[in-house]
C-alpha atoms as a PDB file:
ATOM      1  CA  MET A   1     107.860  94.423  74.663  1.00  0.00           C
ATOM      2  CA  SER A   2     110.490  96.618  76.296  1.00  0.00           C
ATOM      3  CA  GLU A   3     111.589  96.240  80.196  1.00  0.00           C
ATOM      4  CA  HIS A   4     110.849  98.878  82.025  1.00  0.00           C
ATOM      5  CA  HIS A   5     113.906 100.618  84.024  1.00  0.00           C
ATOM      6  CA  ILE A   6     113.787 100.776  87.822  1.00  0.00           C
ATOM      7  CA  THR A   7     115.462 103.826  89.431  1.00  0.00           C
ATOM      8  CA  PRO A   8     116.922 102.655  93.028  1.00  0.00           C
ATOM      9  CA  LEU A   9     115.953 104.926  96.027  1.00  0.00           C
ATOM     10  CA  ARG A  10     119.249 105.972  96.233  1.00  0.00           C
ATOM     11  CA  THR A  11     119.124 107.675  92.849  1.00  0.00           C
ATOM     12  CA  TYR A  12     116.343 109.894  93.873  1.00  0.00           C
ATOM     13  CA  LEU A  13     117.536 110.829  97.285  1.00  0.00           C
ATOM     14  CA  ILE A  14     120.913 111.996  95.344  1.00  0.00           C
ATOM     15  CA  ILE A  15     118.901 113.886  92.486  1.00  0.00           C
ATOM     16  CA  ALA A  16     116.395 115.258  95.425  1.00  0.00           C
ATOM     17  CA  ALA A  17     119.650 116.493  97.898  1.00  0.00           C
ATOM     18  CA  SER A  18     121.283 118.000  94.773  1.00  0.00           C
ATOM     19  CA  LEU A  19     117.960 119.764  93.736  1.00  0.00           C
ATOM     20  CA  LEU A  20     117.703 121.480  96.947  1.00  0.00           C
ATOM     21  CA  PHE A  21     121.268 122.130  97.069  1.00  0.00           C
ATOM     22  CA  LEU A  22     121.336 124.241  93.495  1.00  0.00           C
ATOM     23  CA  SER A  23     118.044 125.971  94.673  1.00  0.00           C
ATOM     24  CA  GLY A  24     120.014 126.916  97.930  1.00  0.00           C
ATOM     25  CA  VAL A  25     122.976 128.007  95.447  1.00  0.00           C
ATOM     26  CA  THR A  26     120.545 129.867  93.538  1.00  0.00           C
ATOM     27  CA  VAL A  27     119.487 131.742  96.725  1.00  0.00           C
ATOM     28  CA  TRP A  28     122.639 132.474  97.715  1.00  0.00           C
ATOM     29  CA  VAL A  29     124.059 133.940  94.392  1.00  0.00           C
ATOM     30  CA  SER A  30     121.363 136.067  94.253  1.00  0.00           C
ATOM     31  CA  TYR A  31     122.435 138.267  96.960  1.00  0.00           C
ATOM     32  CA  ILE A  32     125.986 138.608  95.123  1.00  0.00           C
ATOM     33  CA  ASP A  33     126.596 141.323  92.971  1.00  0.00           C
ATOM     34  CA  LEU A  34     128.267 139.567  89.605  1.00  0.00           C
ATOM     35  CA  GLY A  35     127.140 142.459  87.028  1.00  0.00           C
ATOM     36  CA  SER A  36     125.583 140.812  83.842  1.00  0.00           C
ATOM     37  CA  PHE A  37     126.977 137.333  84.993  1.00  0.00           C
ATOM     38  CA  ASN A  38     124.200 136.832  87.402  1.00  0.00           C
ATOM     39  CA  ILE A  39     121.360 136.015  84.808  1.00  0.00           C
ATOM     40  CA  VAL A  40     124.074 133.660  83.053  1.00  0.00           C
ATOM     41  CA  LEU A  41     124.889 131.970  86.547  1.00  0.00           C
ATOM     42  CA  ALA A  42     121.007 131.803  87.109  1.00  0.00           C
ATOM     43  CA  MET A  43     119.995 130.804  83.877  1.00  0.00           C
ATOM     44  CA  PHE A  44     122.772 127.463  84.006  1.00  0.00           C
ATOM     45  CA  VAL A  45     121.786 126.469  87.522  1.00  0.00           C
ATOM     46  CA  ALA A  46     117.915 126.271  86.477  1.00  0.00           C
ATOM     47  CA  THR A  47     118.984 124.537  83.228  1.00  0.00           C
ATOM     48  CA  VAL A  48     120.861 121.739  85.370  1.00  0.00           C
ATOM     49  CA  LYS A  49     117.956 121.722  87.669  1.00  0.00           C
ATOM     50  CA  ALA A  50     115.536 121.293  84.769  1.00  0.00           C
ATOM     51  CA  SER A  51     118.159 118.648  83.572  1.00  0.00           C
ATOM     52  CA  LEU A  52     118.192 116.870  86.342  1.00  0.00           C
ATOM     53  CA  VAL A  53     114.388 116.725  86.866  1.00  0.00           C
ATOM     54  CA  ALA A  54     114.043 115.784  83.105  1.00  0.00           C
ATOM     55  CA  PHE A  55     116.505 112.878  82.839  1.00  0.00           C
ATOM     56  CA  PHE A  56     116.331 111.085  86.386  1.00  0.00           C
ATOM     57  CA  PHE A  57     112.572 111.795  87.661  1.00  0.00           C
ATOM     58  CA  MET A  58     110.837 111.731  83.901  1.00  0.00           C
ATOM     59  CA  HIS A  59     113.139 108.550  83.358  1.00  0.00           C
ATOM     60  CA  LEU A  60     114.037 110.352  79.885  1.00  0.00           C
ATOM     61  CA  LEU A  61     117.843 109.179  80.501  1.00  0.00           C
ATOM     62  CA  TRP A  62     116.577 105.556  79.956  1.00  0.00           C
ATOM     63  CA  ASP A  63     114.083 106.258  77.546  1.00  0.00           C
ATOM     64  CA  ASP A  64     114.672 105.996  73.448  1.00  0.00           C
ATOM     65  CA  LYS A  65     117.401 108.222  72.463  1.00  0.00           C
ATOM     66  CA  LYS A  66     115.367 110.173  70.174  1.00  0.00           C
ATOM     67  CA  ASN A  67     113.386 111.896  73.093  1.00  0.00           C
ATOM     68  CA  LEU A  68     116.918 112.674  74.738  1.00  0.00           C
ATOM     69  CA  THR A  69     118.286 114.338  71.134  1.00  0.00           C
ATOM     70  CA  MET A  70     115.134 116.345  71.110  1.00  0.00           C
ATOM     71  CA  PHE A  71     115.259 117.359  74.295  1.00  0.00           C
ATOM     72  CA  LEU A  72     119.093 118.251  74.154  1.00  0.00           C
ATOM     73  CA  MET A  73     118.154 119.816  70.808  1.00  0.00           C
ATOM     74  CA  SER A  74     115.406 122.096  72.530  1.00  0.00           C
ATOM     75  CA  LEU A  75     117.853 123.011  75.493  1.00  0.00           C
ATOM     76  CA  MET A  76     120.520 124.084  72.703  1.00  0.00           C
ATOM     77  CA  PHE A  77     117.948 126.137  70.748  1.00  0.00           C
ATOM     78  CA  PHE A  78     116.777 127.742  73.927  1.00  0.00           C
ATOM     79  CA  GLY A  79     119.851 128.734  74.774  1.00  0.00           C
ATOM     80  CA  ILE A  80     120.496 130.232  71.722  1.00  0.00           C
ATOM     81  CA  PHE A  81     117.689 132.341  71.880  1.00  0.00           C
ATOM     82  CA  VAL A  82     118.107 133.423  75.542  1.00  0.00           C
ATOM     83  CA  THR A  83     121.556 134.628  74.396  1.00  0.00           C
ATOM     84  CA  ILE A  84     120.492 136.549  71.429  1.00  0.00           C
ATOM     85  CA  THR A  85     118.074 138.609  73.568  1.00  0.00           C
ATOM     86  CA  MET A  86     120.524 139.411  76.047  1.00  0.00           C
ATOM     87  CA  LEU A  87     122.911 140.333  74.017  1.00  0.00           C
ATOM     88  CA  ASP A  88     120.158 142.669  72.606  1.00  0.00           C
ATOM     89  CA  THR A  89     118.992 144.323  75.662  1.00  0.00           C
ATOM     90  CA  GLU A  90     122.484 144.048  77.434  1.00  0.00           C
ATOM     91  CA  PHE A  91     124.416 146.180  75.042  1.00  0.00           C
ATOM     92  CA  ARG A  92     121.734 148.367  73.693  1.00  0.00           C
ATOM     93  CA  GLY A  93     123.084 151.602  72.626  1.00  0.00           C
ATOM     94  CA  ASP A  94     126.922 151.326  73.538  1.00  0.00           C
ATOM     95  CA  LEU A  95     127.236 150.946  69.809  1.00  0.00           C
ATOM     96  CA  GLY A  96     125.843 154.468  69.117  1.00  0.00           C
ATOM     97  CA  LEU A  97     123.433 153.012  66.658  1.00  0.00           C
ATOM     98  CA  ASN A  98     120.119 153.622  68.043  1.00  0.00           C
ATOM     99  CA  PRO A  99     121.160 156.093  71.139  1.00  0.00           C
ATOM    100  CA  GLU A 100     117.380 156.379  72.152  1.00  0.00           C
ATOM    101  CA  THR A 101     117.556 153.037  73.475  1.00  0.00           C
ATOM    102  CA  LYS A 102     120.521 153.362  75.822  1.00  0.00           C
ATOM    103  CA  ASP A 103     118.233 154.793  78.548  1.00  0.00           C
ATOM    104  CA  PRO A 104     115.606 153.032  80.619  1.00  0.00           C
ATOM    105  CA  ILE A 105     111.891 153.391  79.118  1.00  0.00           C
ATOM    106  CA  ASN A 106     110.399 154.277  82.534  1.00  0.00           C
ATOM    107  CA  LYS A 107     113.360 156.623  84.259  1.00  0.00           C
ATOM    108  CA  ARG A 108     111.185 156.964  87.336  1.00  0.00           C
ATOM    109  CA  ALA A 109     110.904 153.409  88.200  1.00  0.00           C
ATOM    110  CA  ALA A 110     111.313 152.210  91.878  1.00  0.00           C
ATOM    111  CA  PHE A 111     114.291 150.320  90.764  1.00  0.00           C
ATOM    112  CA  TYR A 112     116.715 153.149  90.062  1.00  0.00           C
ATOM    113  CA  ASP A 113     115.679 155.143  93.470  1.00  0.00           C
ATOM    114  CA  THR A 114     118.079 152.250  95.038  1.00  0.00           C
ATOM    115  CA  LEU A 115     121.191 153.501  92.732  1.00  0.00           C
ATOM    116  CA  PRO A 116     123.225 156.809  93.217  1.00  0.00           C
ATOM    117  CA  LEU A 117     122.346 159.403  90.538  1.00  0.00           C
ATOM    118  CA  THR A 118     124.308 159.850  87.737  1.00  0.00           C
ATOM    119  CA  ASP A 119     124.749 162.393  84.842  1.00  0.00           C
ATOM    120  CA  THR A 120     125.066 160.971  81.020  1.00  0.00           C
ATOM    121  CA  HIS A 121     128.574 160.677  81.885  1.00  0.00           C
ATOM    122  CA  GLY A 122     128.673 158.401  84.526  1.00  0.00           C
ATOM    123  CA  HIS A 123     129.402 161.630  87.692  1.00  0.00           C
ATOM    124  CA  PRO A 124     127.536 161.722  90.375  1.00  0.00           C
ATOM    125  CA  VAL A 125     124.953 164.195  90.529  1.00  0.00           C
ATOM    126  CA  ASP A 126     123.059 165.647  93.976  1.00  0.00           C
ATOM    127  CA  GLU A 127     119.392 164.596  94.089  1.00  0.00           C
ATOM    128  CA  HIS A 128     118.767 168.158  94.752  1.00  0.00           C
ATOM    129  CA  SER A 129     120.605 169.900  92.336  1.00  0.00           C
ATOM    130  CA  ASP A 130     118.553 167.579  89.730  1.00  0.00           C
ATOM    131  CA  LYS A 131     115.071 168.665  91.335  1.00  0.00           C
ATOM    132  CA  HIS A 132     115.763 172.311  90.938  1.00  0.00           C
ATOM    133  CA  HIS A 133     116.837 172.110  87.384  1.00  0.00           C
ATOM    134  CA  GLU A 134     113.883 170.186  86.768  1.00  0.00           C
ATOM    135  CA  ASP A 135     111.869 172.987  88.683  1.00  0.00           C
ATOM    136  CA  LYS A 136     113.722 175.541  86.327  1.00  0.00           C
ATOM    137  CA  ASP A 137     112.114 173.255  83.301  1.00  0.00           C
ATOM    138  CA  HIS A 138     108.582 173.979  84.384  1.00  0.00           C
ATOM    139  CA  HIS A 139     108.921 177.905  84.814  1.00  0.00           C
END
């Protein structure tokens, strides 16, 4: 019969404080525009928080090392799959292979109302002139 590991209260308090701090970091960083690095940082912080919970609160650190290995391998594969997905979605249309996937699916989504209007070359476009062209197309 194996002995049970008893974690000191101090360790739980340190991990809980770390989780609260990392939650604050997540909220703080969400207000900073880091471009495509925002999702990388958010996923990294979320992975660290999930690992702390699994290692200490779920006692994975002191459990059978096969379970720890399976957990770490699942994190690794999850990271690989998320990276592949993000590379696909972040760089669609950049290589010119599928130009139809470069533009957003729903160009009238509320998200795009907050962005400055640009033409296909990235030059600013006056919002009123854009509507004028749409009116011409309908007549």
